[in-house]
Amino acid sequence: MMQNRRQFLSTALKGGAYAVATSSFGGVLPAEETGPSSARPNVLFIAIDDLNDWVGCLGGHPDVKTPNIDRLAKRGVLFTHAYCSAPACNPSRASLLTGILPSTSGVYHNNQPWRPAMPKAVTLPQHFMANGYHGVGRGKIFHGGYGDPASWHEYIARGPDPMPPGRPLNGIPKTAHFDWGPVDVSDEEMDDTKVVRWTVNYLNQKHDKPFFLGCGLFRPHLPWYVPRRYFDMYPPEKVTLPNVNEDDLDDVPPIGRQMAKPQGDHRKVIETRNWRKAVSAYLACISFTDTNVGRLLDAMDRSPYAKNTVIILWGDHGWHLGEKLHWRKFALWEEATHAPLILVAPGVAKSGVKCNRTVSFIDIYPTLAGLCGLSPRKELEGVSLVPLLKNPSAQWDRPALTTHGRNNHSVRSERWRYIRYRDGTEELYDHKGDPLEWNNLADKPEWAQTKQRLARWLPEVNAEDAPRRGRARTRRKKQTDNRKEK
């Protein structure tokens, strides 16, 4: 358990670009030999929405039950310090799937369609398809309504879930989808289980070409509605709450406090006495998703592809449940940026290994391409993690960059987190002695050189905001009106 980083309260609140393409079976593949081949490894690409580090193998929460995610971690390499490029679904996924940073694309938020901002981008599944792979997927891979038909030979978007009556179940008025509670249905009626069943059916078939198979699981995204049996695993009165410092925002700059919104969700949760119920619900959704991961692994084991498939599991960003008096993602601290990353690479990586180097999800594109012998793309801004798969203790001097909004960045090294906001204000946390990021050291003169060293990793380009969905609709309406007037 990572109790050296995370501490929890079980009682009532206290005080209120890679250089060569590599193959997992034969080392380096020359560019002219990277065409279609049934001997090349397949890819099972498991994307999980809003999954933070509260999984057993990462030790993020002492009560969680995730035997299947833990089972997957024992088969490959668990990256214990993996961070998203952005703490929101759309920019995180757009960055991961294009290999382009938010600061380069201008896609910083959920309401910015990514494809108009990057019309020439070759996505990860597109790159595999161009190299002879069959690209298929179901569920949430790209964000929401920003699916990309050009990225797949076949793709099915996520569908609706059963909704409980009497919403909101948590009693918070005007809560929209910030709600939680059990639904009295079977697993099979949930869309995530349908996504998994479709994926399993694909694995049960014979394929003449190597495949890139995307499986996008929606939970633990809000609303936290899953079958009752998962809620029964976590009685609210017994769950362990995060250890929260009520004065935590006192040394945080104004922009950081605005991101936290302590008078928003956090106040509502406390006033309605929902904290324990919320933690219980989030854990229930994690265990529901873990069950679906188990179904995938069982199907893979029964399939003929078990020894020739790279498996990757990742959560698109972290999630706060009261830490920093904040809920949801949309911030630059540890809880919002840290997420699971597990890679199983037959013939390359040993089983049951942990890599403690700090890595970024921007590195996933070049890593998967390298493992499968695909030629590198020049525009990718990450680097291949294959050296770390081969030797998890290898030298690695790259921190992880996370961006939330234009010119707001976090740089995370193995020891430090450095945040600089658009107005120049800063935060600096030493994880060696302050794993909960309670003490902002940015104003301490003795750490000036540390800040300078980390600041060198801030992006030189901070692209203008990409058009937002609402603004794009407004422009189209104005253009239509102007044509009518003419």
Protein backbone atom coordinates (compact mmCIF):
# COMPACT_ATOMS: atom_id res chain seq x y z
CA MET A 1 0.00 0.00 0.00
CA MET A 2 1.18 3.51 -0.82
CA GLN A 3 0.48 4.85 2.64
CA ASN A 4 3.74 6.77 2.42
CA ARG A 5 1.96 8.98 -0.12
CA ARG A 6 -1.67 8.78 0.92
CA GLN A 7 -3.08 8.86 4.41
CA PHE A 8 -6.71 8.25 5.31
CA LEU A 9 -9.06 8.80 8.21
CA SER A 10 -11.27 5.91 9.22
CA THR A 11 -13.08 7.93 11.88
CA ALA A 12 -15.09 11.14 11.76
CA LEU A 13 -13.56 14.22 10.14
CA LYS A 14 -10.80 15.98 12.02
CA GLY A 15 -11.66 19.64 12.32
CA GLY A 16 -14.68 19.64 10.35
CA ALA A 17 9.84 10.58 -29.39
CA TYR A 18 11.40 7.18 -29.73
CA ALA A 19 14.41 6.62 -32.00
CA VAL A 20 13.66 3.17 -33.49
CA ALA A 21 10.67 0.94 -33.89
CA THR A 22 10.95 -2.19 -31.81
CA SER A 23 9.14 -5.49 -31.89
CA SER A 24 8.18 -7.44 -28.81
CA PHE A 25 9.41 -10.60 -30.51
CA GLY A 26 12.47 -9.67 -32.48
CA GLY A 27 14.10 -6.42 -31.36
CA VAL A 28 14.34 -3.70 -33.99
CA LEU A 29 12.24 -3.95 -37.13
CA PRO A 30 13.46 -2.11 -40.25
CA ALA A 31 10.94 0.35 -41.68
CA GLU A 32 10.47 -1.74 -44.84
CA GLU A 33 9.40 -4.72 -42.72
CA THR A 34 6.63 -2.99 -40.80
CA GLY A 35 3.80 -3.94 -43.15
CA PRO A 36 0.95 -6.34 -42.30
CA SER A 37 2.04 -9.52 -40.60
CA SER A 38 0.09 -12.05 -38.57
CA ALA A 39 3.18 -12.50 -36.39
CA ARG A 40 3.04 -8.95 -35.12
CA PRO A 41 1.50 -8.47 -31.70
CA ASN A 42 -2.10 -7.45 -31.27
CA VAL A 43 -3.14 -4.65 -28.91
CA LEU A 44 -5.91 -4.74 -26.31
CA PHE A 45 -6.40 -1.10 -25.34
CA ILE A 46 -8.42 -0.73 -22.11
CA ALA A 47 -9.42 2.85 -21.31
CA ILE A 48 -11.13 3.53 -17.98
CA ASP A 49 -12.89 6.83 -17.34
CA ASP A 50 -12.16 8.87 -14.19
CA LEU A 51 -10.18 6.09 -12.51
CA ASN A 52 -7.75 7.55 -9.98
CA ASP A 53 -5.07 5.65 -8.08
CA TRP A 54 -7.54 4.00 -5.69
CA VAL A 55 -6.70 0.51 -6.98
CA GLY A 56 -5.12 -2.23 -4.93
CA CYS A 57 -1.85 -2.51 -6.81
CA LEU A 58 -1.21 1.24 -6.43
CA GLY A 59 -2.24 1.28 -2.78
CA GLY A 60 -4.27 4.45 -3.22
CA HIS A 61 -7.08 3.42 -0.87
CA PRO A 62 -6.91 0.81 1.90
CA ASP A 63 -10.46 -0.52 1.45
CA VAL A 64 -10.64 -1.02 -2.30
CA LYS A 65 -11.15 -4.47 -3.83
CA THR A 66 -9.64 -4.75 -7.32
CA PRO A 67 -8.42 -8.34 -7.70
CA ASN A 68 -8.55 -8.27 -11.50
CA ILE A 69 -6.67 -5.03 -12.07
CA ASP A 70 -4.15 -6.33 -9.56
CA ARG A 71 -4.01 -9.61 -11.51
CA LEU A 72 -3.22 -7.68 -14.68
CA ALA A 73 -0.47 -5.74 -12.90
CA LYS A 74 1.16 -9.04 -11.93
CA ARG A 75 1.40 -9.96 -15.61
CA GLY A 76 3.36 -6.93 -16.72
CA VAL A 77 4.75 -3.59 -15.64
CA LEU A 78 2.86 -1.31 -13.27
CA PHE A 79 3.92 2.31 -13.64
CA THR A 80 3.46 3.70 -10.14
CA HIS A 81 4.06 7.32 -11.18
CA ALA A 82 2.04 7.81 -14.37
CA TYR A 83 0.38 11.16 -15.07
CA CYS A 84 -2.14 12.52 -17.56
CA SER A 85 -1.45 15.35 -20.01
CA ALA A 86 -4.61 17.11 -18.84
CA PRO A 87 -6.98 16.53 -15.90
CA ALA A 88 -10.14 16.33 -18.02
CA CYS A 89 -11.52 13.66 -20.33
CA ASN A 90 -11.37 15.36 -23.72
CA PRO A 91 -7.92 16.98 -23.60
CA SER A 92 -6.39 13.97 -21.87
CA ARG A 93 -7.71 11.50 -24.43
CA ALA A 94 -7.04 13.79 -27.40
CA SER A 95 -3.45 14.18 -26.28
CA LEU A 96 -2.91 10.48 -25.60
CA LEU A 97 -4.49 9.38 -28.89
CA THR A 98 -2.72 11.96 -31.10
CA GLY A 99 0.60 12.14 -29.25
CA ILE A 100 0.27 15.94 -29.20
CA LEU A 101 0.33 18.01 -26.01
CA PRO A 102 -2.57 20.32 -25.10
CA SER A 103 -0.16 23.27 -25.14
CA THR A 104 0.59 22.48 -28.79
CA SER A 105 -2.98 21.77 -29.96
CA GLY A 106 -4.90 24.33 -27.89
CA VAL A 107 -7.32 21.60 -26.73
CA TYR A 108 -7.43 22.32 -23.00
CA HIS A 109 -11.05 21.63 -21.99
CA ASN A 110 -13.95 19.24 -22.53
CA ASN A 111 -15.95 21.65 -24.72
CA GLN A 112 -13.24 22.00 -27.39
CA PRO A 113 -13.70 19.50 -30.25
CA TRP A 114 -10.24 18.10 -30.87
CA ARG A 115 -10.40 17.10 -34.54
CA PRO A 116 -11.00 20.65 -35.93
CA ALA A 117 -8.00 21.76 -33.89
CA MET A 118 -5.83 18.93 -35.28
CA PRO A 119 -7.29 18.14 -38.73
CA LYS A 120 -4.11 16.43 -39.96
CA ALA A 121 -3.37 14.44 -36.81
CA VAL A 122 -2.91 10.71 -37.30
CA THR A 123 -4.41 9.06 -34.24
CA LEU A 124 -2.97 6.03 -32.51
CA PRO A 125 -5.50 3.56 -34.00
CA GLN A 126 -5.16 5.29 -37.41
CA HIS A 127 -1.42 4.71 -37.32
CA PHE A 128 -1.99 1.03 -36.59
CA MET A 129 -4.59 0.76 -39.38
CA ALA A 130 -2.16 2.37 -41.84
CA ASN A 131 0.31 -0.37 -40.92
CA GLY A 132 -1.96 -3.30 -41.64
CA TYR A 133 -3.91 -3.60 -38.37
CA HIS A 134 -7.65 -4.05 -38.02
CA GLY A 135 -8.82 -1.16 -35.84
CA VAL A 136 -12.00 -1.77 -33.86
CA GLY A 137 -13.43 -0.39 -30.66
CA ARG A 138 -16.44 0.08 -28.47
CA GLY A 139 -17.26 2.31 -25.53
CA LYS A 140 -15.60 5.56 -24.53
CA ILE A 141 -12.25 5.94 -26.26
CA PHE A 142 -12.42 9.53 -27.48
CA HIS A 143 -14.45 11.92 -25.34
CA GLY A 144 -18.21 12.20 -25.64
CA GLY A 145 -19.45 13.44 -28.99
CA TYR A 146 -15.94 13.77 -30.41
CA GLY A 147 -15.63 10.26 -31.77
CA ASP A 148 -13.47 9.97 -34.86
CA PRO A 149 -14.81 7.60 -37.56
CA ALA A 150 -11.53 7.85 -39.48
CA SER A 151 -9.77 6.18 -36.54
CA TRP A 152 -11.59 2.85 -36.84
CA HIS A 153 -12.64 0.17 -39.25
CA GLU A 154 -15.48 -0.49 -36.85
CA TYR A 155 -16.55 1.43 -33.77
CA ILE A 156 -19.62 1.44 -31.51
CA ALA A 157 -20.12 4.36 -29.15
CA ARG A 158 -21.15 3.84 -25.55
CA GLY A 159 -24.86 3.48 -24.92
CA PRO A 160 -27.22 4.45 -22.09
CA ASP A 161 -27.24 2.93 -18.62
CA PRO A 162 -30.22 2.03 -16.42
CA MET A 163 -31.17 5.01 -14.24
CA PRO A 164 -32.58 4.63 -10.72
CA PRO A 165 -35.86 6.34 -9.81
CA GLY A 166 -36.04 9.23 -7.40
CA ARG A 167 -32.93 11.08 -8.52
CA PRO A 168 -30.89 12.68 -7.10
CA LEU A 169 -30.28 9.79 -4.75
CA ASN A 170 -27.76 11.73 -2.65
CA GLY A 171 -30.26 14.45 -1.75
CA ILE A 172 -28.13 17.29 -3.09
CA PRO A 173 -30.52 19.63 -4.96
CA LYS A 174 -29.76 20.69 -8.52
CA THR A 175 -26.93 18.20 -8.55
CA ALA A 176 -27.17 17.15 -12.23
CA HIS A 177 -24.98 14.04 -12.65
CA PHE A 178 -23.05 14.64 -9.39
CA ASP A 179 -25.03 11.82 -7.83
CA TRP A 180 -24.56 8.30 -6.53
CA GLY A 181 -26.50 5.28 -5.40
CA PRO A 182 -27.31 1.67 -6.31
CA VAL A 183 -29.40 0.49 -9.24
CA ASP A 184 -31.36 -2.71 -8.89
CA VAL A 185 -30.27 -4.35 -12.14
CA SER A 186 -27.87 -7.09 -13.13
CA ASP A 187 -24.38 -6.41 -14.44
CA GLU A 188 -25.55 -7.48 -17.90
CA GLU A 189 -27.89 -4.49 -18.13
CA MET A 190 -25.04 -2.00 -17.68
CA ASP A 191 -23.50 -0.59 -20.84
CA ASP A 192 -19.93 -1.26 -19.69
CA THR A 193 -20.75 -4.96 -19.45
CA LYS A 194 -22.21 -4.83 -22.96
CA VAL A 195 -18.97 -3.19 -24.15
CA VAL A 196 -16.99 -6.00 -22.54
CA ARG A 197 -19.27 -8.68 -23.97
CA TRP A 198 -18.72 -7.23 -27.47
CA THR A 199 -14.96 -7.16 -26.88
CA VAL A 200 -14.98 -10.75 -25.64
CA ASN A 201 -16.92 -11.79 -28.74
CA TYR A 202 -14.21 -10.21 -30.89
CA LEU A 203 -11.53 -12.14 -29.03
CA ASN A 204 -13.47 -15.35 -29.61
CA GLN A 205 -13.25 -14.92 -33.39
CA LYS A 206 -10.46 -15.82 -35.79
CA HIS A 207 -8.65 -12.84 -37.30
CA ASP A 208 -6.30 -12.93 -40.27
CA LYS A 209 -4.74 -9.56 -39.47
CA PRO A 210 -3.28 -8.24 -36.23
CA PHE A 211 -5.80 -6.09 -34.39
CA PHE A 212 -5.94 -2.90 -32.36
CA LEU A 213 -8.91 -3.53 -30.08
CA GLY A 214 -10.18 -0.62 -28.01
CA CYS A 215 -12.39 -1.24 -24.98
CA GLY A 216 -13.63 1.92 -23.26
CA LEU A 217 -15.15 1.50 -19.78
CA PHE A 218 -17.20 4.42 -18.46
CA ARG A 219 -17.31 3.82 -14.71
CA PRO A 220 -16.20 5.23 -12.31
CA HIS A 221 -17.36 8.33 -14.22
CA LEU A 222 -20.34 10.14 -12.70
CA PRO A 223 -23.13 9.45 -11.98
CA TRP A 224 -22.03 6.64 -9.69
CA TYR A 225 -24.89 4.24 -10.42
CA VAL A 226 -23.88 0.55 -10.45
CA PRO A 227 -25.64 -2.64 -9.31
CA ARG A 228 -26.39 -2.82 -5.63
CA ARG A 229 -24.05 -5.71 -4.93
CA TYR A 230 -21.06 -3.44 -5.42
CA PHE A 231 -22.41 -0.90 -2.93
CA ASP A 232 -22.88 -3.73 -0.46
CA MET A 233 -19.09 -4.27 -0.60
CA TYR A 234 -18.50 -0.84 0.95
CA PRO A 235 -20.82 0.05 3.84
CA PRO A 236 -20.51 3.85 4.22
CA GLU A 237 -20.03 3.69 7.97
CA LYS A 238 -16.95 1.51 7.48
CA VAL A 239 -15.18 3.19 4.57
CA THR A 240 -11.96 5.07 5.12
CA LEU A 241 -12.04 8.78 4.31
CA PRO A 242 -9.18 10.77 2.81
CA ASN A 243 -7.03 12.64 5.31
CA VAL A 244 -7.84 16.28 4.61
CA ASN A 245 -6.28 19.47 5.93
CA GLU A 246 -9.03 22.06 6.38
CA ASP A 247 -6.44 24.84 5.89
CA ASP A 248 -4.94 23.23 2.80
CA LEU A 249 -5.81 26.07 0.42
CA ASP A 250 -4.37 28.85 2.59
CA ASP A 251 -1.00 28.80 0.80
CA VAL A 252 -2.43 28.10 -2.68
CA PRO A 253 -2.52 30.97 -5.23
CA PRO A 254 -5.92 32.39 -6.24
CA ILE A 255 -6.09 30.50 -9.55
CA GLY A 256 -5.51 27.21 -7.74
CA ARG A 257 -8.23 28.04 -5.20
CA GLN A 258 -10.60 28.85 -8.05
CA MET A 259 -9.92 25.40 -9.52
CA ALA A 260 -10.67 23.77 -6.17
CA LYS A 261 -14.08 25.44 -5.72
CA PRO A 262 -14.25 24.62 -1.98
CA GLN A 263 -17.59 26.39 -1.70
CA GLY A 264 -19.06 24.25 -4.48
CA ASP A 265 -19.11 20.45 -4.42
CA HIS A 266 -17.14 20.11 -1.18
CA ARG A 267 -19.48 22.35 0.79
CA LYS A 268 -22.52 20.52 -0.59
CA VAL A 269 -21.08 17.12 0.29
CA ILE A 270 -20.26 18.19 3.85
CA GLU A 271 -23.57 19.97 4.47
CA THR A 272 -25.56 16.93 3.31
CA ARG A 273 -23.32 14.48 5.21
CA ASN A 274 -22.51 12.66 2.01
CA TRP A 275 -18.75 12.20 2.23
CA ARG A 276 -18.81 8.59 3.38
CA LYS A 277 -21.58 7.73 0.93
CA ALA A 278 -19.64 9.34 -1.91
CA VAL A 279 -16.45 7.44 -1.10
CA SER A 280 -18.48 4.23 -0.85
CA ALA A 281 -20.07 4.91 -4.24
CA TYR A 282 -16.77 5.66 -5.96
CA LEU A 283 -15.23 2.47 -4.56
CA ALA A 284 -18.31 0.52 -5.67
CA CYS A 285 -17.87 1.81 -9.22
CA ILE A 286 -14.19 0.85 -9.20
CA SER A 287 -15.06 -2.70 -8.15
CA PHE A 288 -17.77 -2.88 -10.82
CA THR A 289 -15.20 -1.90 -13.43
CA ASP A 290 -12.68 -4.32 -11.96
CA THR A 291 -15.17 -7.15 -12.50
CA ASN A 292 -15.40 -6.19 -16.15
CA VAL A 293 -11.61 -6.13 -16.43
CA GLY A 294 -11.67 -9.66 -15.06
CA ARG A 295 -14.08 -10.73 -17.81
CA LEU A 296 -11.69 -9.31 -20.38
CA LEU A 297 -8.70 -11.12 -18.90
CA ASP A 298 -10.56 -14.42 -18.70
CA ALA A 299 -11.55 -14.10 -22.36
CA MET A 300 -8.00 -13.24 -23.36
CA ASP A 301 -6.69 -16.29 -21.51
CA ARG A 302 -9.12 -18.53 -23.39
CA SER A 303 -8.33 -16.98 -26.76
CA PRO A 304 -5.50 -17.92 -29.17
CA TYR A 305 -4.12 -14.39 -28.78
CA ALA A 306 -2.98 -14.54 -25.17
CA LYS A 307 0.72 -14.89 -25.94
CA ASN A 308 0.77 -12.44 -28.83
CA THR A 309 -1.12 -9.42 -27.47
CA VAL A 310 0.11 -6.26 -25.83
CA ILE A 311 -2.36 -5.27 -23.11
CA ILE A 312 -2.53 -1.73 -21.83
CA LEU A 313 -4.84 -0.43 -19.11
CA TRP A 314 -5.00 3.27 -18.26
CA GLY A 315 -7.28 5.73 -16.50
CA ASP A 316 -7.61 9.03 -18.32
CA HIS A 317 -6.87 11.16 -15.24
CA GLY A 318 -7.26 11.17 -11.48
CA TRP A 319 -10.13 12.29 -9.26
CA HIS A 320 -10.41 14.25 -6.01
CA LEU A 321 -12.81 13.10 -3.29
CA GLY A 322 -12.29 15.96 -0.85
CA GLU A 323 -8.51 16.31 -0.96
CA LYS A 324 -7.55 19.97 -1.27
CA LEU A 325 -11.25 20.59 -0.40
CA HIS A 326 -11.93 19.70 -4.03
CA TRP A 327 -14.05 17.17 -5.91
CA ARG A 328 -13.79 15.85 -9.46
CA LYS A 329 -10.72 16.41 -11.66
CA PHE A 330 -9.99 19.85 -13.22
CA ALA A 331 -6.93 20.68 -11.08
CA LEU A 332 -3.16 20.27 -11.17
CA TRP A 333 -2.52 18.44 -7.89
CA GLU A 334 -1.60 14.80 -7.35
CA GLU A 335 -5.13 13.44 -6.96
CA ALA A 336 -6.35 14.87 -10.29
CA THR A 337 -3.27 13.99 -12.35
CA HIS A 338 -2.14 10.56 -11.11
CA ALA A 339 -3.81 7.52 -12.68
CA PRO A 340 -3.17 3.82 -13.33
CA LEU A 341 -0.98 2.64 -16.20
CA ILE A 342 -0.29 -1.07 -16.70
CA LEU A 343 1.50 -2.55 -19.70
CA VAL A 344 1.79 -6.24 -20.53
CA ALA A 345 4.29 -6.75 -23.35
CA PRO A 346 5.07 -10.43 -24.06
CA GLY A 347 8.70 -10.99 -24.87
CA VAL A 348 9.76 -7.56 -23.67
CA ALA A 349 8.65 -6.95 -20.10
CA LYS A 350 8.91 -9.25 -17.13
CA SER A 351 5.84 -10.08 -15.10
CA GLY A 352 4.89 -8.44 -11.84
CA VAL A 353 7.34 -5.56 -12.08
CA LYS A 354 6.85 -2.04 -10.76
CA CYS A 355 8.44 0.96 -12.43
CA ASN A 356 8.75 3.98 -10.18
CA ARG A 357 9.98 6.36 -12.88
CA THR A 358 7.73 9.33 -13.61
CA VAL A 359 6.03 8.87 -16.99
CA SER A 360 3.32 10.62 -18.96
CA PHE A 361 0.37 9.38 -20.98
CA ILE A 362 1.84 11.33 -23.91
CA ASP A 363 4.37 8.46 -24.01
CA ILE A 364 1.75 5.77 -24.70
CA TYR A 365 1.48 6.39 -28.47
CA PRO A 366 5.20 5.95 -29.22
CA THR A 367 5.42 3.04 -26.79
CA LEU A 368 2.67 0.98 -28.41
CA ALA A 369 3.93 1.83 -31.88
CA GLY A 370 7.43 0.76 -30.91
CA LEU A 371 6.30 -2.49 -29.34
CA CYS A 372 4.47 -3.45 -32.53
CA GLY A 373 7.19 -2.47 -34.96
CA LEU A 374 5.50 0.61 -36.43
CA SER A 375 7.70 3.36 -37.83
CA PRO A 376 7.89 6.46 -35.63
CA ARG A 377 5.95 9.61 -36.42
CA LYS A 378 7.89 12.87 -36.23
CA GLU A 379 5.10 14.92 -34.65
CA LEU A 380 4.81 12.79 -31.50
CA GLU A 381 5.81 14.73 -28.38
CA GLY A 382 6.26 11.76 -26.07
CA VAL A 383 9.00 9.17 -25.89
CA SER A 384 8.85 5.40 -25.92
CA LEU A 385 8.68 3.63 -22.57
CA VAL A 386 10.16 0.45 -24.05
CA PRO A 387 13.51 1.04 -22.26
CA LEU A 388 11.61 1.10 -18.96
CA LEU A 389 9.65 -2.01 -19.88
CA LYS A 390 12.95 -3.79 -20.40
CA ASN A 391 14.60 -2.26 -17.35
CA PRO A 392 12.24 -0.46 -14.94
CA SER A 393 15.23 1.00 -13.09
CA ALA A 394 16.83 2.49 -16.19
CA GLN A 395 18.02 6.09 -16.13
CA TRP A 396 15.09 8.42 -16.76
CA ASP A 397 15.29 12.17 -16.30
CA ARG A 398 11.96 13.20 -17.82
CA PRO A 399 9.24 14.56 -15.52
CA ALA A 400 5.55 14.48 -16.48
CA LEU A 401 3.81 17.61 -17.75
CA THR A 402 0.12 18.22 -17.04
CA THR A 403 -1.80 21.22 -18.37
CA HIS A 404 -5.19 22.57 -17.29
CA GLY A 405 -6.20 25.60 -19.29
CA ARG A 406 -3.84 27.73 -21.33
CA ASN A 407 -0.53 28.43 -19.58
CA ASN A 408 -1.41 26.55 -16.38
CA HIS A 409 1.05 23.70 -15.95
CA SER A 410 2.28 21.12 -13.47
CA VAL A 411 5.68 19.43 -13.72
CA ARG A 412 5.94 16.20 -11.71
CA SER A 413 9.28 14.52 -11.10
CA GLU A 414 9.83 11.53 -8.84
CA ARG A 415 10.31 13.83 -5.87
CA TRP A 416 8.76 17.18 -6.77
CA ARG A 417 5.59 18.76 -8.09
CA TYR A 418 5.98 22.27 -9.49
CA ILE A 419 2.92 24.26 -10.61
CA ARG A 420 3.00 27.56 -12.46
CA TYR A 421 -0.22 29.36 -13.30
CA ARG A 422 -0.85 31.82 -16.13
CA ASP A 423 -0.29 34.81 -13.87
CA GLY A 424 3.14 33.53 -12.78
CA THR A 425 2.07 32.34 -9.31
CA GLU A 426 3.53 29.04 -8.21
CA GLU A 427 3.29 25.96 -6.02
CA LEU A 428 6.09 23.57 -5.10
CA TYR A 429 5.66 20.35 -3.14
CA ASP A 430 8.32 17.94 -1.90
CA HIS A 431 6.86 14.43 -2.03
CA LYS A 432 9.76 13.12 -0.02
CA GLY A 433 8.35 14.71 3.11
CA ASP A 434 4.95 15.98 2.02
CA PRO A 435 3.13 13.28 0.02
CA LEU A 436 -0.25 14.96 0.53
CA GLU A 437 0.96 18.28 -0.92
CA TRP A 438 -0.02 20.29 2.14
CA ASN A 439 2.98 22.64 2.29
CA ASN A 440 3.63 24.98 -0.62
CA LEU A 441 7.38 25.71 -0.73
CA ALA A 442 7.32 27.97 -3.78
CA ASP A 443 8.15 31.12 -1.79
CA LYS A 444 11.08 29.55 0.07
CA PRO A 445 14.37 30.98 -1.34
CA GLU A 446 16.26 27.77 -0.63
CA TRP A 447 14.21 25.99 -3.31
CA ALA A 448 14.70 28.57 -6.08
CA GLN A 449 17.10 26.36 -8.02
CA THR A 450 14.71 23.42 -7.78
CA LYS A 451 11.97 25.54 -9.31
CA GLN A 452 14.30 26.69 -12.09
CA ARG A 453 15.30 23.13 -12.87
CA LEU A 454 11.68 21.96 -13.09
CA ALA A 455 10.58 25.07 -14.99
CA ARG A 456 12.83 24.06 -17.88
CA TRP A 457 10.24 21.41 -18.72
CA LEU A 458 7.42 23.92 -19.14
CA PRO A 459 6.30 24.15 -22.78
CA GLU A 460 7.70 26.99 -24.88
CA VAL A 461 4.48 27.05 -26.92
CA ASN A 462 1.11 27.77 -25.31
CA ALA A 463 -1.34 27.60 -28.21
CA GLU A 464 -4.43 29.78 -28.27
CA ASP A 465 -7.59 28.06 -27.11
CA ALA A 466 -9.13 25.84 -29.75
CA PRO A 467 -12.72 26.82 -30.69
CA ARG A 468 -15.25 25.73 -28.12
CA ARG A 469 -18.31 23.73 -29.03
CA GLY A 470 -20.80 26.46 -28.08
CA ARG A 471 -18.86 29.13 -29.93
CA ALA A 472 -18.61 26.96 -33.02
CA ARG A 473 -22.40 26.54 -33.03
CA THR A 474 -22.85 30.29 -32.61
CA ARG A 475 -20.54 30.98 -35.56
CA ARG A 476 -22.41 28.47 -37.74
CA LYS A 477 -25.72 30.11 -36.83
CA LYS A 478 -24.37 33.56 -37.66
CA GLN A 479 -23.05 32.29 -40.99
CA THR A 480 -26.45 30.75 -41.76
CA ASP A 481 -28.24 33.98 -40.81
CA ASN A 482 -25.89 36.03 -42.98
CA ARG A 483 -26.55 33.75 -45.96
CA LYS A 484 -30.28 34.11 -45.43
CA GLU A 485 -29.97 37.91 -45.32
CA LYS A 486 -28.08 37.85 -48.61
